Protein backbone atom coordinates (compact mmCIF):
# COMPACT_ATOMS: atom_id res chain seq x y z
CA MET A 1 15.02 -11.37 6.44
CA CYS A 2 12.39 -12.30 3.95
CA GLY A 3 13.47 -15.09 1.54
CA THR A 4 11.52 -14.10 -1.52
CA CYS A 5 12.45 -10.50 -1.35
CA GLY A 6 15.13 -9.76 0.49
CA CYS A 7 13.50 -7.62 3.43
CA GLY A 8 11.91 -8.10 6.63
CA SER A 9 10.20 -5.58 8.91
CA GLU A 10 12.05 -6.44 11.97
CA GLU A 11 15.48 -5.06 11.14
CA ASN A 12 14.67 -2.97 8.89
CA GLY A 13 13.44 0.16 11.03
CA VAL A 14 9.52 0.15 10.22
CA THR A 15 7.76 3.07 11.84
CA ILE A 16 3.89 3.64 11.94
CA GLN A 17 2.95 7.85 12.78
CA ASN A 18 -0.01 9.93 12.85
CA PRO A 19 1.12 13.23 10.31
CA LYS A 20 -0.98 14.99 13.06
CA ASP A 21 1.78 13.98 16.12
CA ILE A 22 4.77 14.78 13.60
CA LYS A 23 3.16 18.30 13.21
CA ALA A 24 2.72 18.63 16.99
CA HIS A 25 6.55 17.59 17.93
CA GLU A 26 7.81 20.51 15.37
CA HIS A 27 10.27 23.24 17.14
CA HIS A 28 9.87 26.44 15.87
CA HIS A 29 12.55 28.86 16.91
CA HIS A 30 12.63 33.03 17.50
CA ASP A 31 14.93 33.54 14.43
CA GLY A 32 12.09 31.50 12.37
CA HIS A 33 14.18 28.50 11.60
CA THR A 34 11.76 25.42 12.20
CA HIS A 35 12.86 21.74 12.50
CA SER A 36 11.22 18.31 13.51
CA HIS A 37 12.26 15.21 14.69
CA GLU A 38 11.02 12.41 13.08
CA HIS A 39 11.25 9.58 15.50
CA SER A 40 8.59 7.90 17.08
CA HIS A 41 8.79 7.34 21.13
CA GLU A 42 5.34 5.28 21.45
CA GLY A 43 6.77 2.82 19.18
CA HIS A 44 9.95 2.53 20.66
CA THR A 45 11.31 3.29 17.14
CA HIS A 46 14.70 5.41 16.61
CA SER A 47 16.43 6.69 14.04
CA HIS A 48 20.02 6.75 14.86
CA ASP A 49 22.55 4.41 12.88
CA HIS A 50 24.66 2.83 15.00
CA SER A 51 25.83 -0.06 12.41
CA HIS A 52 29.24 -1.80 12.50
CA THR A 53 30.58 -4.03 10.25
CA HIS A 54 33.05 -6.87 11.04
CA ASP A 55 35.53 -8.04 8.56
CA HIS A 56 35.78 -11.84 9.29
CA ASP A 57 36.34 -14.12 6.45
CA HIS A 58 34.18 -17.16 6.74
CA SER A 59 34.81 -18.88 4.22
CA HIS A 60 32.78 -22.35 4.75
CA THR A 61 29.53 -23.59 2.56
CA HIS A 62 26.41 -24.62 4.50
CA ASP A 63 24.68 -27.12 2.10
CA HIS A 64 21.65 -26.41 3.43
CA HIS A 65 21.33 -22.71 3.00
CA HIS A 66 18.86 -23.09 0.14
CA LYS A 67 16.59 -25.18 2.08
CA THR A 68 16.47 -22.43 4.80
CA VAL A 69 15.87 -19.49 3.17
CA ILE A 70 12.79 -21.80 1.64
CA ASP A 71 11.72 -22.89 5.12
CA LEU A 72 12.10 -19.23 6.19
CA GLU A 73 10.22 -17.65 3.68
CA GLN A 74 7.37 -20.11 4.31
CA ASP A 75 7.60 -19.29 7.68
CA ILE A 76 7.02 -15.49 6.97
CA LEU A 77 3.92 -16.16 4.82
CA GLN A 78 2.38 -18.82 7.11
CA HIS A 79 2.53 -15.62 9.71
CA ASN A 80 1.74 -13.03 7.69
CA ALA A 81 -1.47 -15.70 6.40
CA LEU A 82 -2.47 -15.63 10.22
CA MET A 83 -2.17 -11.92 11.01
CA ALA A 84 -3.95 -11.35 8.27
CA ALA A 85 -6.94 -13.62 9.03
CA ARG A 86 -7.06 -11.71 12.34
CA ASN A 87 -7.58 -8.02 10.34
CA LYS A 88 -10.30 -9.65 8.10
CA GLY A 89 -12.32 -10.80 11.00
CA TYR A 90 -11.68 -7.64 12.42
CA PHE A 91 -12.98 -5.49 9.54
CA GLU A 92 -15.77 -7.68 8.90
CA ALA A 93 -17.58 -7.81 12.21
CA LYS A 94 -16.95 -3.96 11.94
CA ASN A 95 -18.07 -3.87 9.06
CA ILE A 96 -15.38 -2.06 7.26
CA PHE A 97 -14.82 -1.99 3.67
CA ALA A 98 -10.80 -2.77 3.47
CA LEU A 99 -9.08 -1.99 0.08
CA ASN A 100 -5.69 -2.88 -0.98
CA LEU A 101 -4.75 -0.25 -3.60
CA VAL A 102 -1.24 -1.79 -5.51
CA SER A 103 1.20 -0.65 -8.19
CA SER A 104 4.17 0.77 -9.37
CA PRO A 105 5.67 3.77 -8.24
CA GLY A 106 4.16 6.83 -10.65
CA SER A 107 0.96 4.94 -11.56
CA GLY A 108 -0.75 7.77 -9.98
CA LYS A 109 -2.92 5.72 -7.03
CA THR A 110 -2.53 8.45 -4.96
CA SER A 111 -3.70 10.99 -6.68
CA ILE A 112 -6.89 8.64 -7.28
CA LEU A 113 -7.24 8.25 -3.84
CA GLU A 114 -7.21 12.07 -3.22
CA LYS A 115 -9.65 12.32 -5.92
CA THR A 116 -11.63 9.50 -4.70
CA LEU A 117 -11.85 10.85 -0.77
CA SER A 118 -12.24 14.57 -2.35
CA ASP A 119 -15.32 13.56 -4.25
CA LEU A 120 -16.99 10.84 -1.80
CA LYS A 121 -15.94 12.14 2.20
CA ASP A 122 -19.15 14.11 2.78
CA GLU A 123 -21.10 10.62 1.68
CA LYS A 124 -18.76 7.75 3.00
CA SER A 125 -17.07 7.27 5.99
CA PHE A 126 -12.73 6.98 5.24
CA TYR A 127 -9.93 6.14 7.06
CA VAL A 128 -6.35 5.69 5.29
CA ILE A 129 -3.54 3.72 5.77
CA GLU A 130 -0.13 5.29 3.58
CA GLY A 131 2.42 3.04 3.15
CA ASP A 132 6.06 4.01 1.62
CA GLN A 133 9.36 3.09 2.53
CA GLN A 134 10.33 6.96 3.60
CA THR A 135 8.32 10.11 4.34
CA LEU A 136 5.36 11.33 5.22
CA ASN A 137 4.36 13.16 1.47
CA ASP A 138 1.10 11.08 0.82
CA ALA A 139 -0.46 11.10 4.44
CA ASN A 140 0.28 14.89 4.64
CA ARG A 141 -1.92 14.68 1.30
CA ILE A 142 -4.75 12.83 2.45
CA ASP A 143 -4.67 14.78 5.89
CA ALA A 144 -4.94 18.08 3.97
CA LEU A 145 -8.23 16.43 3.38
CA ASN A 146 -9.30 15.91 6.76
CA ILE A 147 -9.91 12.13 6.41
CA PRO A 148 -7.80 10.06 9.62
CA VAL A 149 -4.65 8.46 8.30
CA ILE A 150 -1.48 6.76 9.57
CA GLN A 151 1.54 6.61 7.43
CA ILE A 152 3.73 3.59 7.88
CA ASN A 153 7.34 3.93 6.68
CA THR A 154 8.64 0.84 5.66
CA GLY A 155 12.66 1.67 5.68
CA LYS A 156 14.24 -1.20 3.43
CA GLY A 157 10.94 -2.86 3.13
CA CYS A 158 9.24 -3.13 -0.29
CA HIS A 159 5.36 -4.14 0.90
CA LEU A 160 3.18 -3.31 3.75
CA GLU A 161 2.38 -6.41 6.07
CA SER A 162 -0.59 -7.71 8.04
CA ASP A 163 0.68 -7.59 11.44
CA MET A 164 1.89 -3.46 10.18
CA VAL A 165 -1.78 -2.86 8.80
CA TYR A 166 -3.19 -4.07 12.34
CA ASP A 167 -0.96 -2.00 14.62
CA ALA A 168 -2.21 0.94 12.51
CA VAL A 169 -5.78 0.20 12.26
CA LYS A 170 -5.32 0.14 16.49
CA LYS A 171 -3.78 3.45 16.22
CA LEU A 172 -6.79 4.73 13.45
CA ASP A 173 -9.74 3.36 15.62
CA ILE A 174 -11.89 2.86 12.39
CA LYS A 175 -15.85 2.99 12.86
CA GLU A 176 -18.20 0.72 12.45
CA ASN A 177 -19.69 0.84 8.50
CA SER A 178 -16.56 2.35 7.08
CA ILE A 179 -14.35 2.34 4.18
CA LEU A 180 -10.22 1.28 4.64
CA MET A 181 -7.83 2.65 1.88
CA ILE A 182 -4.77 1.00 1.91
CA GLU A 183 -1.89 2.37 -0.31
CA ASN A 184 0.53 -0.39 -0.10
CA VAL A 185 4.10 0.33 -1.21
CA GLY A 186 4.43 0.99 -4.61
CA ASN A 187 6.09 -2.16 -6.03
CA LEU A 188 4.20 -4.70 -8.33
CA VAL A 189 6.10 -7.92 -7.27
CA CYS A 190 6.19 -8.57 -3.23
CA PRO A 191 2.76 -7.25 -2.26
CA SER A 192 1.03 -9.58 -4.30
CA MET A 193 2.29 -12.73 -2.05
CA PHE A 194 0.69 -10.90 1.57
CA ASP A 195 -2.22 -10.87 2.24
CA LEU A 196 -3.51 -7.64 4.63
CA GLY A 197 -6.96 -9.21 5.48
CA GLU A 198 -8.22 -6.84 2.73
CA SER A 199 -11.88 -7.25 1.32
CA LYS A 200 -10.80 -6.60 -1.93
CA ARG A 201 -7.32 -5.78 -3.94
CA VAL A 202 -7.32 -2.57 -6.57
CA VAL A 203 -4.11 -3.17 -9.12
CA ILE A 204 -3.68 0.02 -10.78
CA VAL A 205 -1.65 1.16 -14.08
CA SER A 206 -1.16 3.61 -15.96
CA THR A 207 -1.21 3.93 -19.90
CA THR A 208 2.10 5.48 -19.43
CA GLU A 209 3.78 2.20 -18.11
CA GLY A 210 2.93 0.26 -21.83
CA GLU A 211 0.61 -2.72 -21.97
CA ASP A 212 2.35 -5.75 -21.36
CA LYS A 213 2.47 -4.94 -17.77
CA PRO A 214 0.13 -8.11 -16.74
CA ILE A 215 2.75 -10.42 -18.16
CA LYS A 216 5.64 -8.83 -16.93
CA TYR A 217 3.85 -9.22 -13.03
CA PRO A 218 1.47 -11.93 -13.22
CA ASP A 219 1.00 -12.60 -9.32
CA MET A 220 -0.18 -9.06 -8.64
CA PHE A 221 -2.75 -9.15 -11.47
CA HIS A 222 -4.11 -12.50 -10.33
CA THR A 223 -4.50 -11.59 -6.90
CA SER A 224 -6.37 -8.40 -7.77
CA HIS A 225 -10.22 -8.09 -8.30
CA ILE A 226 -10.06 -4.49 -9.89
CA CYS A 227 -7.48 -2.95 -12.36
CA ILE A 228 -7.83 0.71 -12.73
CA ILE A 229 -6.26 1.95 -16.09
CA ASN A 230 -5.17 5.84 -15.27
CA LYS A 231 -4.51 8.50 -17.38
CA ILE A 232 -6.48 7.81 -19.91
CA ASP A 233 -6.14 11.66 -20.40
CA LEU A 234 -2.68 11.02 -22.15
CA LEU A 235 -4.07 8.61 -25.06
CA PRO A 236 -3.66 10.88 -27.49
CA HIS A 237 -0.22 11.44 -26.71
CA LEU A 238 0.56 7.83 -26.18
CA ASN A 239 1.85 4.73 -28.29
CA ILE A 240 -0.43 1.90 -26.00
CA ASN A 241 -3.19 -0.16 -26.98
CA ILE A 242 -5.92 -0.39 -24.35
CA ASP A 243 -7.70 -3.30 -25.60
CA LYS A 244 -4.15 -5.02 -25.95
CA LEU A 245 -3.60 -4.26 -21.97
CA LYS A 246 -6.58 -5.89 -20.88
CA GLU A 247 -6.46 -9.12 -22.89
CA TYR A 248 -3.30 -9.06 -21.12
CA ALA A 249 -4.52 -9.12 -17.91
CA LEU A 250 -7.57 -11.16 -18.62
CA ARG A 251 -4.81 -13.63 -19.83
CA VAL A 252 -3.76 -13.89 -16.22
CA ASN A 253 -6.78 -13.30 -14.69
CA PRO A 254 -10.25 -13.64 -16.33
CA ASN A 255 -12.12 -12.11 -13.17
CA LEU A 256 -10.52 -8.83 -13.08
CA LYS A 257 -12.63 -5.91 -13.68
CA PHE A 258 -11.54 -2.79 -15.62
CA PHE A 259 -12.11 0.83 -14.88
CA GLU A 260 -10.54 3.30 -17.17
CA VAL A 261 -9.85 6.60 -15.40
CA SER A 262 -8.11 10.07 -15.05
CA ALA A 263 -7.78 11.36 -11.81
CA THR A 264 -6.27 14.54 -13.39
CA THR A 265 -9.51 14.92 -15.44
CA GLY A 266 -11.85 13.43 -13.76
CA GLU A 267 -13.17 11.13 -16.54
CA GLY A 268 -14.28 7.77 -15.56
CA MET A 269 -14.12 8.03 -11.91
CA ASP A 270 -18.11 8.00 -11.71
CA ALA A 271 -18.36 4.37 -12.45
CA TRP A 272 -15.39 3.64 -10.41
CA TYR A 273 -17.66 5.27 -7.34
CA LYS A 274 -20.36 3.23 -8.36
CA TRP A 275 -18.60 0.19 -7.53
CA LEU A 276 -17.03 1.58 -4.71
CA LYS A 277 -20.53 2.65 -2.97
CA ARG A 278 -22.40 -0.70 -3.72
CA LYS A 279 -19.29 -2.61 -2.68
CA HIS A 280 -19.54 -0.92 0.84
CA GLU A 281 -22.91 -1.09 1.13
CA LEU A 282 -23.21 -4.71 0.86
CA ILE A 283 -20.96 -5.77 3.42
């Protein structure tokens, strides 16, 4: 268990799935009923619940509890860093430009990704890793664009880790000179601590979230390279000061680069595309 956020990949039922495999596993009955079984045989992951509870009352106290938690947290982050270095080496060897997309839930992260893929898929070779606690909803949206995608469901986990990404990358079989988009679990806290080996980290914040997100969640903005401000089409209806949002973000990270966009109308997306294509060509 992660001492920082209270979750851990080993005990929370992490699954890594290709949405095409799930669709192929659906059973169609003559009476018109359709159902699917969303357990992964390849990863030896089953969703059967064999939980039971023991009510043993151990009321003794361990004085070394806090030190144990800190040591465990350090071990987890160190292991993640080592695996992230492995990912980074792989990406660099194959000239893969990997982006880690992070945000709070509802910022429009998936919509920006969909719009980007739809507009650029004929120019660039894209692969996608989707991270959510449950469902294949986002992976299915990407699959509908005919983009190779793998869904990682983290169960109770609130972030992706570098070994999860490594396993997903092996399933994707990414070609050289490609762009890998990693959509992290919607959370502005724990993903900031877990390097995935990405080339750049992109934090997405929407106008509907208010202007103080960067100072409420400084670690995420401090560790990011790009800040996309989404839903600018809603500005006439909101009481938010975009300049103030940027000022707060620059207090945390003076090197942040901003893009103001609307995934709905397409406004501002060309500047984002120009940056993305230029960075990919430079790797």
